[in-house]
PDB file of N, CA and C in Angstrom:
ATOM      1  N   UNK A   1     -53.141   0.297  10.633  1.00  0.00           N
ATOM      2  CA  UNK A   1     -51.746  -0.223  10.179  1.00  0.00           C
ATOM      3  C   UNK A   1     -50.921   1.004   9.517  1.00  0.00           C
ATOM      4  N   UNK A   2     -50.220   2.006   9.813  1.00  0.00           N
ATOM      5  CA  UNK A   2     -49.544   2.765   8.871  1.00  0.00           C
ATOM      6  C   UNK A   2     -48.430   2.311   7.812  1.00  0.00           C
ATOM      7  N   UNK A   3     -48.244   2.102   6.783  1.00  0.00           N
ATOM      8  CA  UNK A   3     -46.942   1.531   6.048  1.00  0.00           C
ATOM      9  C   UNK A   3     -46.336   3.076   5.516  1.00  0.00           C
ATOM     10  N   UNK A   4     -45.221   3.022   5.226  1.00  0.00           N
ATOM     11  CA  UNK A   4     -44.363   3.501   4.524  1.00  0.00           C
ATOM     12  C   UNK A   4     -43.369   3.352   3.585  1.00  0.00           C
ATOM     13  N   UNK A   5     -42.881   4.340   2.708  1.00  0.00           N
ATOM     14  CA  UNK A   5     -41.479   3.983   1.864  1.00  0.00           C
ATOM     15  C   UNK A   5     -40.376   4.847   2.483  1.00  0.00           C
ATOM     16  N   UNK A   6     -39.364   4.412   2.793  1.00  0.00           N
ATOM     17  CA  UNK A   6     -38.410   5.588   3.391  1.00  0.00           C
ATOM     18  C   UNK A   6     -37.257   5.544   2.579  1.00  0.00           C
ATOM     19  N   UNK A   7     -37.355   6.780   2.111  1.00  0.00           N
ATOM     20  CA  UNK A   7     -35.600   6.967   1.355  1.00  0.00           C
ATOM     21  C   UNK A   7     -34.752   7.771   1.446  1.00  0.00           C
ATOM     22  N   UNK A   8     -33.526   6.372   1.667  1.00  0.00           N
ATOM     23  CA  UNK A   8     -32.485   7.228   2.304  1.00  0.00           C
ATOM     24  C   UNK A   8     -31.380   7.532   1.463  1.00  0.00           C
ATOM     25  N   UNK A   9     -30.368   8.477   1.955  1.00  0.00           N
ATOM     26  CA  UNK A   9     -29.537   9.186   1.565  1.00  0.00           C
ATOM     27  C   UNK A   9     -27.973   8.652   1.955  1.00  0.00           C
ATOM     28  N   UNK A  10     -26.924   7.781   1.672  1.00  0.00           N
ATOM     29  CA  UNK A  10     -26.173   7.741   2.803  1.00  0.00           C
ATOM     30  C   UNK A  10     -24.707   8.458   2.293  1.00  0.00           C
ATOM     31  N   UNK A  11     -23.814   8.515   3.438  1.00  0.00           N
ATOM     32  CA  UNK A  11     -22.193   8.864   2.876  1.00  0.00           C
ATOM     33  C   UNK A  11     -21.814   7.640   2.215  1.00  0.00           C
ATOM     34  N   UNK A  12     -21.072   8.206   1.365  1.00  0.00           N
ATOM     35  CA  UNK A  12     -20.259   7.383   0.491  1.00  0.00           C
ATOM     36  C   UNK A  12     -19.455   6.087   0.676  1.00  0.00           C
ATOM     37  N   UNK A  13     -20.090   4.906  -0.306  1.00  0.00           N
ATOM     38  CA  UNK A  13     -19.554   3.631  -0.035  1.00  0.00           C
ATOM     39  C   UNK A  13     -20.538   2.922   1.700  1.00  0.00           C
ATOM     40  N   UNK A  14     -21.859   3.314   1.666  1.00  0.00           N
ATOM     41  CA  UNK A  14     -21.887   2.990   3.070  1.00  0.00           C
ATOM     42  C   UNK A  14     -23.446   2.428   3.046  1.00  0.00           C
ATOM     43  N   UNK A  15     -24.156   2.049   1.471  1.00  0.00           N
ATOM     44  CA  UNK A  15     -25.223   1.782   1.635  1.00  0.00           C
ATOM     45  C   UNK A  15     -26.087   0.407   1.716  1.00  0.00           C
ATOM     46  N   UNK A  16     -24.544  -0.554   1.541  1.00  0.00           N
ATOM     47  CA  UNK A  16     -25.191  -2.118   1.895  1.00  0.00           C
ATOM     48  C   UNK A  16     -25.228  -2.008   3.820  1.00  0.00           C
ATOM     49  N   UNK A  17     -24.071  -1.478   4.207  1.00  0.00           N
ATOM     50  CA  UNK A  17     -23.890  -1.300   5.608  1.00  0.00           C
ATOM     51  C   UNK A  17     -25.116  -0.567   6.387  1.00  0.00           C
ATOM     52  N   UNK A  18     -25.151   0.580   5.709  1.00  0.00           N
ATOM     53  CA  UNK A  18     -26.778   1.105   5.982  1.00  0.00           C
ATOM     54  C   UNK A  18     -28.186  -0.271   5.836  1.00  0.00           C
ATOM     55  N   UNK A  19     -28.322  -0.707   4.746  1.00  0.00           N
ATOM     56  CA  UNK A  19     -29.430  -1.206   4.574  1.00  0.00           C
ATOM     57  C   UNK A  19     -29.232  -2.606   5.316  1.00  0.00           C
ATOM     58  N   UNK A  20     -28.257  -2.843   5.694  1.00  0.00           N
ATOM     59  CA  UNK A  20     -28.081  -4.442   6.675  1.00  0.00           C
ATOM     60  C   UNK A  20     -28.397  -3.978   7.986  1.00  0.00           C
ATOM     61  N   UNK A  21     -28.509  -2.419   8.658  1.00  0.00           N
ATOM     62  CA  UNK A  21     -28.704  -2.142   9.961  1.00  0.00           C
ATOM     63  C   UNK A  21     -29.675  -2.153   9.967  1.00  0.00           C
ATOM     64  N   UNK A  22     -30.454  -1.859   9.036  1.00  0.00           N
ATOM     65  CA  UNK A  22     -31.888  -1.135   9.008  1.00  0.00           C
ATOM     66  C   UNK A  22     -33.027  -2.456   8.975  1.00  0.00           C
ATOM     67  N   UNK A  23     -32.336  -3.185   8.733  1.00  0.00           N
ATOM     68  CA  UNK A  23     -33.193  -4.274   7.675  1.00  0.00           C
ATOM     69  C   UNK A  23     -33.593  -5.300   9.581  1.00  0.00           C
ATOM     70  N   UNK A  24     -32.696  -4.875  10.357  1.00  0.00           N
ATOM     71  CA  UNK A  24     -32.961  -5.647  11.720  1.00  0.00           C
ATOM     72  C   UNK A  24     -33.681  -5.126  12.552  1.00  0.00           C
ATOM     73  N   UNK A  25     -34.746  -3.597  12.617  1.00  0.00           N
ATOM     74  CA  UNK A  25     -34.925  -2.760  13.538  1.00  0.00           C
ATOM     75  C   UNK A  25     -36.336  -3.465  13.093  1.00  0.00           C
ATOM     76  N   UNK A  26     -37.038  -3.492  14.616  1.00  0.00           N
ATOM     77  CA  UNK A  26     -38.397  -3.944  14.340  1.00  0.00           C
ATOM     78  C   UNK A  26     -39.503  -2.945  13.849  1.00  0.00           C
ATOM     79  N   UNK A  27     -40.249  -3.326  12.872  1.00  0.00           N
ATOM     80  CA  UNK A  27     -41.120  -2.453  11.861  1.00  0.00           C
ATOM     81  C   UNK A  27     -40.680  -2.330  10.332  1.00  0.00           C
ATOM     82  N   UNK A  28     -39.255  -2.554  10.442  1.00  0.00           N
ATOM     83  CA  UNK A  28     -38.834  -2.380   9.265  1.00  0.00           C
ATOM     84  C   UNK A  28     -39.001  -3.900   8.448  1.00  0.00           C
ATOM     85  N   UNK A  29     -40.351  -3.917   7.036  1.00  0.00           N
ATOM     86  CA  UNK A  29     -40.312  -5.492   6.538  1.00  0.00           C
ATOM     87  C   UNK A  29     -39.136  -5.430   4.865  1.00  0.00           C
ATOM     88  N   UNK A  30     -38.466  -4.410   4.789  1.00  0.00           N
ATOM     89  CA  UNK A  30     -37.776  -4.893   4.178  1.00  0.00           C
ATOM     90  C   UNK A  30     -36.590  -3.530   3.363  1.00  0.00           C
ATOM     91  N   UNK A  31     -35.606  -3.685   3.500  1.00  0.00           N
ATOM     92  CA  UNK A  31     -34.181  -2.758   3.671  1.00  0.00           C
ATOM     93  C   UNK A  31     -33.340  -3.452   2.637  1.00  0.00           C
ATOM     94  N   UNK A  32     -33.613  -2.369   1.029  1.00  0.00           N
ATOM     95  CA  UNK A  32     -32.171  -2.552  -0.050  1.00  0.00           C
ATOM     96  C   UNK A  32     -31.830  -2.084  -0.649  1.00  0.00           C
ATOM     97  N   UNK A  33     -30.624  -1.410  -0.679  1.00  0.00           N
ATOM     98  CA  UNK A  33     -29.579  -1.132  -0.987  1.00  0.00           C
ATOM     99  C   UNK A  33     -29.928  -0.673  -2.946  1.00  0.00           C
ATOM    100  N   UNK A  34     -30.098   0.669  -3.258  1.00  0.00           N
ATOM    101  CA  UNK A  34     -30.706   0.731  -4.972  1.00  0.00           C
ATOM    102  C   UNK A  34     -29.820   1.751  -5.294  1.00  0.00           C
ATOM    103  N   UNK A  35     -29.820   2.101  -6.221  1.00  0.00           N
ATOM    104  CA  UNK A  35     -29.004   3.099  -7.173  1.00  0.00           C
ATOM    105  C   UNK A  35     -30.081   4.368  -7.557  1.00  0.00           C
ATOM    106  N   UNK A  36     -29.106   5.185  -8.140  1.00  0.00           N
ATOM    107  CA  UNK A  36     -30.221   6.345  -8.179  1.00  0.00           C
ATOM    108  C   UNK A  36     -29.936   7.669  -7.282  1.00  0.00           C
ATOM    109  N   UNK A  37     -30.541   8.316  -6.896  1.00  0.00           N
ATOM    110  CA  UNK A  37     -30.904   9.792  -6.116  1.00  0.00           C
ATOM    111  C   UNK A  37     -30.485   9.163  -5.028  1.00  0.00           C
ATOM    112  N   UNK A  38     -31.498   8.209  -4.450  1.00  0.00           N
ATOM    113  CA  UNK A  38     -31.942   7.734  -3.257  1.00  0.00           C
ATOM    114  C   UNK A  38     -30.182   6.038  -2.981  1.00  0.00           C
ATOM    115  N   UNK A  39     -30.100   6.025  -1.555  1.00  0.00           N
ATOM    116  CA  UNK A  39     -29.091   4.924  -1.607  1.00  0.00           C
ATOM    117  C   UNK A  39     -29.552   3.354  -1.205  1.00  0.00           C
ATOM    118  N   UNK A  40     -30.597   3.817  -0.270  1.00  0.00           N
ATOM    119  CA  UNK A  40     -31.395   2.959   0.597  1.00  0.00           C
ATOM    120  C   UNK A  40     -32.960   3.193   0.159  1.00  0.00           C
ATOM    121  N   UNK A  41     -33.510   1.923   0.286  1.00  0.00           N
ATOM    122  CA  UNK A  41     -35.447   1.982   0.147  1.00  0.00           C
ATOM    123  C   UNK A  41     -35.479   1.052   1.846  1.00  0.00           C
ATOM    124  N   UNK A  42     -36.285   1.537   2.115  1.00  0.00           N
ATOM    125  CA  UNK A  42     -36.653   0.859   3.464  1.00  0.00           C
ATOM    126  C   UNK A  42     -38.610   0.995   3.128  1.00  0.00           C
ATOM    127  N   UNK A  43     -39.074  -0.399   3.744  1.00  0.00           N
ATOM    128  CA  UNK A  43     -40.474  -0.398   3.570  1.00  0.00           C
ATOM    129  C   UNK A  43     -41.127  -0.467   4.912  1.00  0.00           C
ATOM    130  N   UNK A  44     -41.738   0.044   5.941  1.00  0.00           N
ATOM    131  CA  UNK A  44     -42.292   0.071   7.238  1.00  0.00           C
ATOM    132  C   UNK A  44     -43.525   0.265   7.190  1.00  0.00           C
ATOM    133  N   UNK A  45     -43.469  -0.218   8.766  1.00  0.00           N
ATOM    134  CA  UNK A  45     -44.703  -0.095   9.042  1.00  0.00           C
ATOM    135  C   UNK A  45     -44.859   0.398  10.751  1.00  0.00           C
ATOM    136  N   UNK A  46     -46.125   0.598  11.372  1.00  0.00           N
ATOM    137  CA  UNK A  46     -46.404   0.736  12.359  1.00  0.00           C
ATOM    138  C   UNK A  46     -47.627   1.204  12.544  1.00  0.00           C
ATOM    139  N   UNK A  47     -47.986   1.126  13.909  1.00  0.00           N
ATOM    140  CA  UNK A  47     -49.814   1.211  14.293  1.00  0.00           C
ATOM    141  C   UNK A  47     -50.282   2.393  13.652  1.00  0.00           C
ATOM    142  N   UNK A  48     -49.311   3.854  14.030  1.00  0.00           N
ATOM    143  CA  UNK A  48     -50.180   4.892  13.624  1.00  0.00           C
ATOM    144  C   UNK A  48     -49.320   5.592  13.204  1.00  0.00           C
ATOM    145  N   UNK A  49     -50.070   7.026  12.796  1.00  0.00           N
ATOM    146  CA  UNK A  49     -48.174   8.356  12.219  1.00  0.00           C
ATOM    147  C   UNK A  49     -47.133   8.282  13.228  1.00  0.00           C
ATOM    148  N   UNK A  50     -48.101   8.453  14.369  1.00  0.00           N
ATOM    149  CA  UNK A  50     -46.742   9.148  15.525  1.00  0.00           C
ATOM    150  C   UNK A  50     -46.125   8.115  15.626  1.00  0.00           C
ATOM    151  N   UNK A  51     -46.191   6.630  15.841  1.00  0.00           N
ATOM    152  CA  UNK A  51     -45.623   5.755  16.094  1.00  0.00           C
ATOM    153  C   UNK A  51     -44.178   5.332  14.864  1.00  0.00           C
ATOM    154  N   UNK A  52     -44.530   5.681  13.549  1.00  0.00           N
ATOM    155  CA  UNK A  52     -44.155   5.958  11.868  1.00  0.00           C
ATOM    156  C   UNK A  52     -42.792   7.082  12.594  1.00  0.00           C
ATOM    157  N   UNK A  53     -43.313   8.116  12.985  1.00  0.00           N
ATOM    158  CA  UNK A  53     -42.340   8.887  13.272  1.00  0.00           C
ATOM    159  C   UNK A  53     -41.735   8.624  14.137  1.00  0.00           C
ATOM    160  N   UNK A  54     -42.050   8.175  15.385  1.00  0.00           N
ATOM    161  CA  UNK A  54     -40.791   7.357  16.516  1.00  0.00           C
ATOM    162  C   UNK A  54     -40.055   6.661  15.644  1.00  0.00           C
ATOM    163  N   UNK A  55     -40.361   5.763  14.928  1.00  0.00           N
ATOM    164  CA  UNK A  55     -39.283   5.054  14.439  1.00  0.00           C
ATOM    165  C   UNK A  55     -38.526   5.447  13.310  1.00  0.00           C
ATOM    166  N   UNK A  56     -38.643   6.495  12.815  1.00  0.00           N
ATOM    167  CA  UNK A  56     -37.608   6.810  11.637  1.00  0.00           C
ATOM    168  C   UNK A  56     -36.971   7.788  12.634  1.00  0.00           C
ATOM    169  N   UNK A  57     -37.445   8.628  13.159  1.00  0.00           N
ATOM    170  CA  UNK A  57     -36.498   9.435  14.138  1.00  0.00           C
ATOM    171  C   UNK A  57     -35.272   9.158  15.121  1.00  0.00           C
ATOM    172  N   UNK A  58     -36.347   8.302  16.228  1.00  0.00           N
ATOM    173  CA  UNK A  58     -35.362   7.328  17.235  1.00  0.00           C
ATOM    174  C   UNK A  58     -34.431   6.226  16.668  1.00  0.00           C
ATOM    175  N   UNK A  59     -34.975   5.684  15.754  1.00  0.00           N
ATOM    176  CA  UNK A  59     -33.991   4.370  15.292  1.00  0.00           C
ATOM    177  C   UNK A  59     -33.761   3.675  13.767  1.00  0.00           C
ATOM    178  N   UNK A  60     -34.223   4.785  12.602  1.00  0.00           N
ATOM    179  CA  UNK A  60     -33.818   4.617  11.776  1.00  0.00           C
ATOM    180  C   UNK A  60     -32.403   5.563  11.438  1.00  0.00           C
ATOM    181  N   UNK A  61     -32.947   7.115  11.530  1.00  0.00           N
ATOM    182  CA  UNK A  61     -32.145   7.965  11.605  1.00  0.00           C
ATOM    183  C   UNK A  61     -30.790   8.449  12.431  1.00  0.00           C
ATOM    184  N   UNK A  62     -30.925   7.240  13.106  1.00  0.00           N
ATOM    185  CA  UNK A  62     -29.811   6.795  14.162  1.00  0.00           C
ATOM    186  C   UNK A  62     -28.668   6.123  13.734  1.00  0.00           C
ATOM    187  N   UNK A  63     -29.215   5.487  12.519  1.00  0.00           N
ATOM    188  CA  UNK A  63     -27.935   4.650  12.019  1.00  0.00           C
ATOM    189  C   UNK A  63     -26.794   5.000  11.255  1.00  0.00           C
ATOM    190  N   UNK A  64     -25.734   5.096  11.912  1.00  0.00           N
ATOM    191  CA  UNK A  64     -24.919   5.331  11.401  1.00  0.00           C
ATOM    192  C   UNK A  64     -24.539   5.285   9.742  1.00  0.00           C
ATOM    193  N   UNK A  65     -23.958   6.645   9.149  1.00  0.00           N
ATOM    194  CA  UNK A  65     -24.053   6.931   7.592  1.00  0.00           C
ATOM    195  C   UNK A  65     -25.111   7.305   7.311  1.00  0.00           C
ATOM    196  N   UNK A  66     -26.501   7.640   7.846  1.00  0.00           N
ATOM    197  CA  UNK A  66     -27.722   8.250   7.237  1.00  0.00           C
ATOM    198  C   UNK A  66     -26.768   9.423   7.071  1.00  0.00           C
ATOM    199  N   UNK A  67     -27.518   9.885   5.815  1.00  0.00           N
ATOM    200  CA  UNK A  67     -26.983  11.686   5.711  1.00  0.00           C
ATOM    201  C   UNK A  67     -28.550  12.632   5.283  1.00  0.00           C
ATOM    202  N   UNK A  68     -29.354  11.365   4.943  1.00  0.00           N
ATOM    203  CA  UNK A  68     -31.023  12.261   4.802  1.00  0.00           C
ATOM    204  C   UNK A  68     -32.073  11.272   4.468  1.00  0.00           C
ATOM    205  N   UNK A  69     -33.070  11.307   5.065  1.00  0.00           N
ATOM    206  CA  UNK A  69     -34.110  10.501   4.859  1.00  0.00           C
ATOM    207  C   UNK A  69     -35.228  11.143   4.517  1.00  0.00           C
ATOM    208  N   UNK A  70     -36.551  10.477   3.619  1.00  0.00           N
ATOM    209  CA  UNK A  70     -37.763  11.104   3.242  1.00  0.00           C
ATOM    210  C   UNK A  70     -38.651   9.805   3.236  1.00  0.00           C
ATOM    211  N   UNK A  71     -39.265  10.095   3.900  1.00  0.00           N
ATOM    212  CA  UNK A  71     -40.715   9.443   4.798  1.00  0.00           C
ATOM    213  C   UNK A  71     -42.134   9.745   3.612  1.00  0.00           C
ATOM    214  N   UNK A  72     -42.351   8.419   2.796  1.00  0.00           N
ATOM    215  CA  UNK A  72     -43.387   8.880   2.357  1.00  0.00           C
ATOM    216  C   UNK A  72     -44.650   7.742   2.594  1.00  0.00           C
ATOM    217  N   UNK A  73     -45.587   8.035   3.358  1.00  0.00           N
ATOM    218  CA  UNK A  73     -46.130   7.262   4.102  1.00  0.00           C
ATOM    219  C   UNK A  73     -47.458   6.574   2.378  1.00  0.00           C
ATOM    220  N   UNK A  74     -47.731   5.124   2.786  1.00  0.00           N
ATOM    221  CA  UNK A  74     -48.755   4.898   1.704  1.00  0.00           C
ATOM    222  C   UNK A  74     -50.156   5.523   1.981  1.00  0.00           C
ATOM    223  N   UNK A  75     -50.597   5.911   0.816  1.00  0.00           N
ATOM    224  CA  UNK A  75     -51.940   6.386   0.992  1.00  0.00           C
ATOM    225  C   UNK A  75     -53.042   5.273  -0.087  1.00  0.00           C
ATOM    226  N   UNK A  76     -54.066   5.184   0.506  1.00  0.00           N
ATOM    227  CA  UNK A  76     -55.529   4.315  -0.456  1.00  0.00           C
ATOM    228  C   UNK A  76     -56.594   5.046  -1.063  1.00  0.00           C
ATOM    229  N   UNK A  77     -56.455   5.768  -2.231  1.00  0.00           N
ATOM    230  CA  UNK A  77     -57.046   6.649  -2.849  1.00  0.00           C
ATOM    231  C   UNK A  77     -58.145   6.286  -3.474  1.00  0.00           C
TER     232      UNK A  77
END
């Protein structure tokens, strides 16, 4: 299982709506609107890196109001 944090920038005033829409996507375990350089931080999981990429590109980035994403896979060193 691969886990990742996805940092999201949104259009002005869209953070809460984006977080709410993303929270309902399968594979997303948490989605919260925050302050700072990113507007929403998401925790997601997938069976492998390829599935994680498909989750981000096909589902999360398709949510209206998102302007940019940064995916940070969790590593265990």
